Amino acid sequence: MSATIPPATIRLNGQDTPLTTASLTGLLAGLGLDEASRGVAVALNGAVVPRRRWPDTALAPGDVLDIVRPIQGG
Protein backbone atom coordinates (compact mmCIF):
# COMPACT_ATOMS: atom_id res chain seq x y z
CA MET A 1 0.00 0.00 0.00
CA SER A 2 1.44 3.36 -0.98
CA ALA A 3 0.68 6.60 0.77
CA THR A 4 -0.46 9.60 -1.20
CA ILE A 5 1.55 12.70 -0.44
CA PRO A 6 -0.59 15.82 -0.46
CA PRO A 7 0.66 18.67 -2.67
CA ALA A 8 2.63 21.43 -0.99
CA THR A 9 0.46 24.46 -0.33
CA ILE A 10 0.70 28.08 0.68
CA ARG A 11 -2.02 30.26 2.13
CA LEU A 12 -2.80 32.88 -0.55
CA ASN A 13 -5.20 35.63 0.51
CA GLY A 14 -6.78 33.29 3.06
CA GLN A 15 -7.12 30.28 0.72
CA ASP A 16 -5.00 27.15 0.67
CA THR A 17 -3.35 27.13 -2.75
CA PRO A 18 -1.05 24.53 -4.35
CA LEU A 19 2.53 25.73 -4.47
CA THR A 20 3.38 25.45 -8.16
CA THR A 21 6.48 27.67 -8.22
CA ALA A 22 9.27 28.39 -5.77
CA SER A 23 9.48 32.10 -6.56
CA LEU A 24 7.28 35.06 -5.75
CA THR A 25 7.68 36.47 -9.27
CA GLY A 26 6.61 33.12 -10.73
CA LEU A 27 3.46 33.09 -8.62
CA LEU A 28 2.69 36.73 -9.46
CA ALA A 29 3.20 36.04 -13.18
CA GLY A 30 0.66 33.23 -12.92
CA LEU A 31 -1.78 35.79 -11.54
CA GLY A 32 -1.05 38.24 -14.36
CA LEU A 33 1.06 40.53 -12.18
CA ASP A 34 4.67 41.66 -12.43
CA GLU A 35 7.04 44.27 -11.06
CA ALA A 36 5.48 46.88 -13.35
CA SER A 37 1.99 46.28 -11.93
CA ARG A 38 0.95 49.48 -10.18
CA GLY A 39 -0.85 49.54 -6.85
CA VAL A 40 0.07 46.00 -5.81
CA ALA A 41 1.35 45.23 -2.32
CA VAL A 42 2.67 41.85 -1.19
CA ALA A 43 3.15 40.52 2.34
CA LEU A 44 4.88 37.22 3.05
CA ASN A 45 4.36 35.71 6.50
CA GLY A 46 3.18 39.07 7.82
CA ALA A 47 6.06 41.17 6.46
CA VAL A 48 5.72 43.51 3.49
CA VAL A 49 7.95 42.50 0.58
CA PRO A 50 9.29 45.61 -1.19
CA ARG A 51 8.82 45.48 -4.96
CA ARG A 52 12.61 45.51 -5.51
CA ARG A 53 12.82 42.24 -3.50
CA TRP A 54 10.12 40.37 -5.47
CA PRO A 55 12.63 38.69 -7.86
CA ASP A 56 14.76 37.47 -4.92
CA THR A 57 11.90 36.17 -2.77
CA ALA A 58 11.50 32.40 -2.53
CA LEU A 59 8.30 30.64 -1.49
CA ALA A 60 8.09 27.53 0.68
CA PRO A 61 5.28 25.20 1.71
CA GLY A 62 3.25 26.68 4.54
CA ASP A 63 4.02 30.31 3.67
CA VAL A 64 1.24 32.84 4.15
CA LEU A 65 1.04 35.29 1.25
CA ASP A 66 -1.27 38.29 1.00
CA ILE A 67 -1.56 40.20 -2.26
CA VAL A 68 -3.47 43.46 -2.12
CA ARG A 69 -4.50 45.51 -5.12
CA PRO A 70 -7.08 48.25 -5.54
CA ILE A 71 -10.43 47.51 -7.11
CA GLN A 72 -12.72 49.90 -8.89
CA GLY A 73 -16.19 50.56 -7.73
CA GLY A 74 -18.03 52.74 -5.40
PDB file of N, CA and C in Angstrom:
ATOM      1  N   MET A   1       0.849  -1.174   0.000  1.00  0.00           N
ATOM      2  CA  MET A   1       0.000   0.000   0.000  1.00  0.00           C
ATOM      3  C   MET A   1       0.895   1.237   0.000  1.00  0.00           C
ATOM      4  N   SER A   2       0.642   2.138  -0.917  1.00  0.00           N
ATOM      5  CA  SER A   2       1.442   3.357  -0.980  1.00  0.00           C
ATOM      6  C   SER A   2       0.632   4.530  -0.450  1.00  0.00           C
ATOM      7  N   ALA A   3       1.326   5.414   0.213  1.00  0.00           N
ATOM      8  CA  ALA A   3       0.679   6.603   0.769  1.00  0.00           C
ATOM      9  C   ALA A   3       0.690   7.711  -0.273  1.00  0.00           C
ATOM     10  N   THR A   4      -0.384   8.447  -0.308  1.00  0.00           N
ATOM     11  CA  THR A   4      -0.464   9.598  -1.197  1.00  0.00           C
ATOM     12  C   THR A   4       0.052  10.818  -0.450  1.00  0.00           C
ATOM     13  N   ILE A   5       0.989  11.494  -1.048  1.00  0.00           N
ATOM     14  CA  ILE A   5       1.550  12.699  -0.439  1.00  0.00           C
ATOM     15  C   ILE A   5       0.758  13.893  -0.944  1.00  0.00           C
ATOM     16  N   PRO A   6       0.180  14.662  -0.012  1.00  0.00           N
ATOM     17  CA  PRO A   6      -0.587  15.823  -0.462  1.00  0.00           C
ATOM     18  C   PRO A   6       0.338  16.860  -1.095  1.00  0.00           C
ATOM     19  N   PRO A   7      -0.179  17.641  -2.036  1.00  0.00           N
ATOM     20  CA  PRO A   7       0.658  18.670  -2.666  1.00  0.00           C
ATOM     21  C   PRO A   7       1.037  19.745  -1.647  1.00  0.00           C
ATOM     22  N   ALA A   8       2.201  20.321  -1.836  1.00  0.00           N
ATOM     23  CA  ALA A   8       2.626  21.429  -0.986  1.00  0.00           C
ATOM     24  C   ALA A   8       1.704  22.612  -1.245  1.00  0.00           C
ATOM     25  N   THR A   9       1.352  23.312  -0.178  1.00  0.00           N
ATOM     26  CA  THR A   9       0.456  24.457  -0.325  1.00  0.00           C
ATOM     27  C   THR A   9       1.009  25.673   0.398  1.00  0.00           C
ATOM     28  N   ILE A  10       0.509  26.824  -0.034  1.00  0.00           N
ATOM     29  CA  ILE A  10       0.695  28.076   0.683  1.00  0.00           C
ATOM     30  C   ILE A  10      -0.693  28.614   0.981  1.00  0.00           C
ATOM     31  N   ARG A  11      -0.757  29.590   1.846  1.00  0.00           N
ATOM     32  CA  ARG A  11      -2.023  30.261   2.134  1.00  0.00           C
ATOM     33  C   ARG A  11      -1.987  31.578   1.370  1.00  0.00           C
ATOM     34  N   LEU A  12      -2.779  31.699   0.312  1.00  0.00           N
ATOM     35  CA  LEU A  12      -2.797  32.880  -0.549  1.00  0.00           C
ATOM     36  C   LEU A  12      -4.103  33.620  -0.341  1.00  0.00           C
ATOM     37  N   ASN A  13      -4.015  34.807   0.225  1.00  0.00           N
ATOM     38  CA  ASN A  13      -5.199  35.627   0.514  1.00  0.00           C
ATOM     39  C   ASN A  13      -6.279  34.816   1.230  1.00  0.00           C
ATOM     40  N   GLY A  14      -5.843  34.030   2.228  1.00  0.00           N
ATOM     41  CA  GLY A  14      -6.782  33.289   3.056  1.00  0.00           C
ATOM     42  C   GLY A  14      -7.233  31.953   2.508  1.00  0.00           C
ATOM     43  N   GLN A  15      -6.719  31.547   1.345  1.00  0.00           N
ATOM     44  CA  GLN A  15      -7.122  30.283   0.717  1.00  0.00           C
ATOM     45  C   GLN A  15      -5.903  29.369   0.578  1.00  0.00           C
ATOM     46  N   ASP A  16      -6.067  28.110   0.933  1.00  0.00           N
ATOM     47  CA  ASP A  16      -4.996  27.151   0.670  1.00  0.00           C
ATOM     48  C   ASP A  16      -4.855  26.987  -0.837  1.00  0.00           C
ATOM     49  N   THR A  17      -3.635  27.134  -1.321  1.00  0.00           N
ATOM     50  CA  THR A  17      -3.355  27.131  -2.754  1.00  0.00           C
ATOM     51  C   THR A  17      -2.152  26.234  -3.024  1.00  0.00           C
ATOM     52  N   PRO A  18      -2.226  25.356  -4.029  1.00  0.00           N
ATOM     53  CA  PRO A  18      -1.054  24.530  -4.354  1.00  0.00           C
ATOM     54  C   PRO A  18       0.154  25.407  -4.688  1.00  0.00           C
ATOM     55  N   LEU A  19       1.290  25.015  -4.192  1.00  0.00           N
ATOM     56  CA  LEU A  19       2.534  25.731  -4.468  1.00  0.00           C
ATOM     57  C   LEU A  19       3.111  25.169  -5.760  1.00  0.00           C
ATOM     58  N   THR A  20       2.968  25.921  -6.838  1.00  0.00           N
ATOM     59  CA  THR A  20       3.385  25.449  -8.161  1.00  0.00           C
ATOM     60  C   THR A  20       4.693  26.068  -8.631  1.00  0.00           C
ATOM     61  N   THR A  21       5.215  27.019  -7.884  1.00  0.00           N
ATOM     62  CA  THR A  21       6.479  27.666  -8.221  1.00  0.00           C
ATOM     63  C   THR A  21       7.187  28.022  -6.927  1.00  0.00           C
ATOM     64  N   ALA A  22       8.509  28.080  -6.968  1.00  0.00           N
ATOM     65  CA  ALA A  22       9.272  28.386  -5.770  1.00  0.00           C
ATOM     66  C   ALA A  22       9.594  29.868  -5.644  1.00  0.00           C
ATOM     67  N   SER A  23       9.129  30.682  -6.605  1.00  0.00           N
ATOM     68  CA  SER A  23       9.477  32.102  -6.558  1.00  0.00           C
ATOM     69  C   SER A  23       8.235  32.982  -6.506  1.00  0.00           C
ATOM     70  N   LEU A  24       8.379  34.103  -5.829  1.00  0.00           N
ATOM     71  CA  LEU A  24       7.282  35.064  -5.754  1.00  0.00           C
ATOM     72  C   LEU A  24       6.951  35.602  -7.138  1.00  0.00           C
ATOM     73  N   THR A  25       7.961  35.926  -7.935  1.00  0.00           N
ATOM     74  CA  THR A  25       7.678  36.465  -9.270  1.00  0.00           C
ATOM     75  C   THR A  25       6.976  35.434 -10.143  1.00  0.00           C
ATOM     76  N   GLY A  26       7.301  34.164  -9.985  1.00  0.00           N
ATOM     77  CA  GLY A  26       6.611  33.115 -10.731  1.00  0.00           C
ATOM     78  C   GLY A  26       5.144  33.036 -10.357  1.00  0.00           C
ATOM     79  N   LEU A  27       4.850  33.122  -9.071  1.00  0.00           N
ATOM     80  CA  LEU A  27       3.464  33.091  -8.624  1.00  0.00           C
ATOM     81  C   LEU A  27       2.711  34.319  -9.124  1.00  0.00           C
ATOM     82  N   LEU A  28       3.329  35.495  -9.002  1.00  0.00           N
ATOM     83  CA  LEU A  28       2.686  36.727  -9.464  1.00  0.00           C
ATOM     84  C   LEU A  28       2.430  36.677 -10.967  1.00  0.00           C
ATOM     85  N   ALA A  29       3.386  36.155 -11.732  1.00  0.00           N
ATOM     86  CA  ALA A  29       3.199  36.042 -13.183  1.00  0.00           C
ATOM     87  C   ALA A  29       1.995  35.165 -13.497  1.00  0.00           C
ATOM     88  N   GLY A  30       1.815  34.103 -12.733  1.00  0.00           N
ATOM     89  CA  GLY A  30       0.663  33.233 -12.921  1.00  0.00           C
ATOM     90  C   GLY A  30      -0.654  33.925 -12.632  1.00  0.00           C
ATOM     91  N   LEU A  31      -0.591  34.994 -11.852  1.00  0.00           N
ATOM     92  CA  LEU A  31      -1.780  35.790 -11.538  1.00  0.00           C
ATOM     93  C   LEU A  31      -1.919  37.000 -12.460  1.00  0.00           C
ATOM     94  N   GLY A  32      -1.006  37.115 -13.432  1.00  0.00           N
ATOM     95  CA  GLY A  32      -1.049  38.241 -14.362  1.00  0.00           C
ATOM     96  C   GLY A  32      -0.444  39.515 -13.803  1.00  0.00           C
ATOM     97  N   LEU A  33       0.423  39.377 -12.807  1.00  0.00           N
ATOM     98  CA  LEU A  33       1.060  40.534 -12.179  1.00  0.00           C
ATOM     99  C   LEU A  33       2.566  40.450 -12.371  1.00  0.00           C
ATOM    100  N   ASP A  34       3.216  41.619 -12.387  1.00  0.00           N
ATOM    101  CA  ASP A  34       4.670  41.655 -12.430  1.00  0.00           C
ATOM    102  C   ASP A  34       5.151  42.899 -11.714  1.00  0.00           C
ATOM    103  N   GLU A  35       6.454  43.135 -11.764  1.00  0.00           N
ATOM    104  CA  GLU A  35       7.040  44.271 -11.057  1.00  0.00           C
ATOM    105  C   GLU A  35       6.543  45.612 -11.580  1.00  0.00           C
ATOM    106  N   ALA A  36       6.011  45.639 -12.785  1.00  0.00           N
ATOM    107  CA  ALA A  36       5.483  46.880 -13.354  1.00  0.00           C
ATOM    108  C   ALA A  36       4.023  47.119 -12.955  1.00  0.00           C
ATOM    109  N   SER A  37       3.391  46.130 -12.338  1.00  0.00           N
ATOM    110  CA  SER A  37       1.985  46.284 -11.933  1.00  0.00           C
ATOM    111  C   SER A  37       1.887  47.355 -10.855  1.00  0.00           C
ATOM    112  N   ARG A  38       1.091  48.357 -11.108  1.00  0.00           N
ATOM    113  CA  ARG A  38       0.950  49.480 -10.182  1.00  0.00           C
ATOM    114  C   ARG A  38      -0.080  49.148  -9.112  1.00  0.00           C
ATOM    115  N   GLY A  39       0.131  49.668  -7.912  1.00  0.00           N
ATOM    116  CA  GLY A  39      -0.847  49.543  -6.846  1.00  0.00           C
ATOM    117  C   GLY A  39      -0.951  48.164  -6.230  1.00  0.00           C
ATOM    118  N   VAL A  40       0.090  47.349  -6.368  1.00  0.00           N
ATOM    119  CA  VAL A  40       0.071  45.999  -5.810  1.00  0.00           C
ATOM    120  C   VAL A  40       1.014  45.961  -4.609  1.00  0.00           C
ATOM    121  N   ALA A  41       0.521  45.415  -3.502  1.00  0.00           N
ATOM    122  CA  ALA A  41       1.346  45.226  -2.315  1.00  0.00           C
ATOM    123  C   ALA A  41       1.353  43.744  -1.970  1.00  0.00           C
ATOM    124  N   VAL A  42       2.510  43.264  -1.519  1.00  0.00           N
ATOM    125  CA  VAL A  42       2.665  41.849  -1.191  1.00  0.00           C
ATOM    126  C   VAL A  42       3.232  41.733   0.219  1.00  0.00           C
ATOM    127  N   ALA A  43       2.624  40.848   1.016  1.00  0.00           N
ATOM    128  CA  ALA A  43       3.152  40.523   2.341  1.00  0.00           C
ATOM    129  C   ALA A  43       3.378  39.016   2.406  1.00  0.00           C
ATOM    130  N   LEU A  44       4.530  38.631   2.907  1.00  0.00           N
ATOM    131  CA  LEU A  44       4.882  37.222   3.053  1.00  0.00           C
ATOM    132  C   LEU A  44       5.103  36.945   4.532  1.00  0.00           C
ATOM    133  N   ASN A  45       4.288  36.058   5.078  1.00  0.00           N
ATOM    134  CA  ASN A  45       4.364  35.705   6.498  1.00  0.00           C
ATOM    135  C   ASN A  45       4.298  36.945   7.392  1.00  0.00           C
ATOM    136  N   GLY A  46       3.440  37.881   7.014  1.00  0.00           N
ATOM    137  CA  GLY A  46       3.181  39.069   7.820  1.00  0.00           C
ATOM    138  C   GLY A  46       4.122  40.234   7.590  1.00  0.00           C
ATOM    139  N   ALA A  47       5.109  40.086   6.730  1.00  0.00           N
ATOM    140  CA  ALA A  47       6.062  41.170   6.456  1.00  0.00           C
ATOM    141  C   ALA A  47       5.905  41.632   5.013  1.00  0.00           C
ATOM    142  N   VAL A  48       5.834  42.945   4.837  1.00  0.00           N
ATOM    143  CA  VAL A  48       5.718  43.506   3.492  1.00  0.00           C
ATOM    144  C   VAL A  48       6.993  43.201   2.712  1.00  0.00           C
ATOM    145  N   VAL A  49       6.811  42.778   1.469  1.00  0.00           N
ATOM    146  CA  VAL A  49       7.951  42.505   0.584  1.00  0.00           C
ATOM    147  C   VAL A  49       8.068  43.682  -0.383  1.00  0.00           C
ATOM    148  N   PRO A  50       9.124  44.494  -0.260  1.00  0.00           N
ATOM    149  CA  PRO A  50       9.288  45.609  -1.192  1.00  0.00           C
ATOM    150  C   PRO A  50       9.382  45.102  -2.630  1.00  0.00           C
ATOM    151  N   ARG A  51       8.849  45.858  -3.533  1.00  0.00           N
ATOM    152  CA  ARG A  51       8.823  45.484  -4.956  1.00  0.00           C
ATOM    153  C   ARG A  51      10.219  45.103  -5.469  1.00  0.00           C
ATOM    154  N   ARG A  52      11.242  45.805  -5.043  1.00  0.00           N
ATOM    155  CA  ARG A  52      12.605  45.511  -5.514  1.00  0.00           C
ATOM    156  C   ARG A  52      13.090  44.137  -5.046  1.00  0.00           C
ATOM    157  N   ARG A  53      12.438  43.553  -4.019  1.00  0.00           N
ATOM    158  CA  ARG A  53      12.821  42.239  -3.505  1.00  0.00           C
ATOM    159  C   ARG A  53      12.012  41.094  -4.105  1.00  0.00           C
ATOM    160  N   TRP A  54      10.967  41.417  -4.893  1.00  0.00           N
ATOM    161  CA  TRP A  54      10.121  40.367  -5.468  1.00  0.00           C
ATOM    162  C   TRP A  54      10.935  39.319  -6.225  1.00  0.00           C
ATOM    163  N   PRO A  55      11.892  39.712  -7.095  1.00  0.00           N
ATOM    164  CA  PRO A  55      12.632  38.693  -7.858  1.00  0.00           C
ATOM    165  C   PRO A  55      13.487  37.773  -6.979  1.00  0.00           C
ATOM    166  N   ASP A  56      13.878  38.241  -5.794  1.00  0.00           N
ATOM    167  CA  ASP A  56      14.760  37.472  -4.916  1.00  0.00           C
ATOM    168  C   ASP A  56      14.008  36.682  -3.848  1.00  0.00           C
ATOM    169  N   THR A  57      12.688  36.776  -3.845  1.00  0.00           N
ATOM    170  CA  THR A  57      11.904  36.170  -2.771  1.00  0.00           C
ATOM    171  C   THR A  57      11.450  34.762  -3.145  1.00  0.00           C
ATOM    172  N   ALA A  58      11.879  33.804  -2.327  1.00  0.00           N
ATOM    173  CA  ALA A  58      11.503  32.399  -2.527  1.00  0.00           C
ATOM    174  C   ALA A  58      10.256  32.079  -1.706  1.00  0.00           C
ATOM    175  N   LEU A  59       9.483  31.128  -2.200  1.00  0.00           N
ATOM    176  CA  LEU A  59       8.304  30.644  -1.491  1.00  0.00           C
ATOM    177  C   LEU A  59       8.565  29.227  -1.008  1.00  0.00           C
ATOM    178  N   ALA A  60       7.937  28.876   0.122  1.00  0.00           N
ATOM    179  CA  ALA A  60       8.088  27.534   0.684  1.00  0.00           C
ATOM    180  C   ALA A  60       6.727  27.038   1.154  1.00  0.00           C
ATOM    181  N   PRO A  61       6.549  25.731   1.206  1.00  0.00           N
ATOM    182  CA  PRO A  61       5.282  25.196   1.705  1.00  0.00           C
ATOM    183  C   PRO A  61       4.954  25.775   3.085  1.00  0.00           C
ATOM    184  N   GLY A  62       3.700  26.125   3.270  1.00  0.00           N
ATOM    185  CA  GLY A  62       3.248  26.679   4.538  1.00  0.00           C
ATOM    186  C   GLY A  62       3.326  28.191   4.630  1.00  0.00           C
ATOM    187  N   ASP A  63       3.962  28.846   3.651  1.00  0.00           N
ATOM    188  CA  ASP A  63       4.024  30.307   3.674  1.00  0.00           C
ATOM    189  C   ASP A  63       2.621  30.899   3.611  1.00  0.00           C
ATOM    190  N   VAL A  64       2.490  32.085   4.206  1.00  0.00           N
ATOM    191  CA  VAL A  64       1.242  32.842   4.146  1.00  0.00           C
ATOM    192  C   VAL A  64       1.520  34.088   3.314  1.00  0.00           C
ATOM    193  N   LEU A  65       0.812  34.208   2.201  1.00  0.00           N
ATOM    194  CA  LEU A  65       1.038  35.292   1.254  1.00  0.00           C
ATOM    195  C   LEU A  65      -0.242  36.089   1.078  1.00  0.00           C
ATOM    196  N   ASP A  66      -0.132  37.392   1.245  1.00  0.00           N
ATOM    197  CA  ASP A  66      -1.265  38.286   1.003  1.00  0.00           C
ATOM    198  C   ASP A  66      -0.891  39.233  -0.120  1.00  0.00           C
ATOM    199  N   ILE A  67      -1.745  39.292  -1.133  1.00  0.00           N
ATOM    200  CA  ILE A  67      -1.559  40.204  -2.258  1.00  0.00           C
ATOM    201  C   ILE A  67      -2.740  41.155  -2.253  1.00  0.00           C
ATOM    202  N   VAL A  68      -2.433  42.442  -2.188  1.00  0.00           N
ATOM    203  CA  VAL A  68      -3.472  43.462  -2.120  1.00  0.00           C
ATOM    204  C   VAL A  68      -3.352  44.352  -3.342  1.00  0.00           C
ATOM    205  N   ARG A  69      -4.469  44.579  -3.982  1.00  0.00           N
ATOM    206  CA  ARG A  69      -4.500  45.506  -5.121  1.00  0.00           C
ATOM    207  C   ARG A  69      -5.835  46.234  -5.098  1.00  0.00           C
ATOM    208  N   PRO A  70      -5.833  47.474  -5.559  1.00  0.00           N
ATOM    209  CA  PRO A  70      -7.079  48.246  -5.536  1.00  0.00           C
ATOM    210  C   PRO A  70      -8.097  47.690  -6.525  1.00  0.00           C
ATOM    211  N   ILE A  71      -9.350  47.874  -6.197  1.00  0.00           N
ATOM    212  CA  ILE A  71     -10.430  47.505  -7.108  1.00  0.00           C
ATOM    213  C   ILE A  71     -11.264  48.735  -7.380  1.00  0.00           C
ATOM    214  N   GLN A  72     -11.871  48.774  -8.547  1.00  0.00           N
ATOM    215  CA  GLN A  72     -12.724  49.902  -8.889  1.00  0.00           C
ATOM    216  C   GLN A  72     -14.123  49.645  -8.369  1.00  0.00           C
ATOM    217  N   GLY A  73     -14.811  50.689  -8.180  1.00  0.00           N
ATOM    218  CA  GLY A  73     -16.192  50.563  -7.727  1.00  0.00           C
ATOM    219  C   GLY A  73     -16.523  51.706  -6.794  1.00  0.00           C
ATOM    220  N   GLY A  74     -17.686  51.657  -6.309  1.00  0.00           N
ATOM    221  CA  GLY A  74     -18.032  52.743  -5.399  1.00  0.00           C
ATOM    222  C   GLY A  74     -19.377  52.535  -4.795  1.00  0.00           C
TER     223      GLY A  74
END
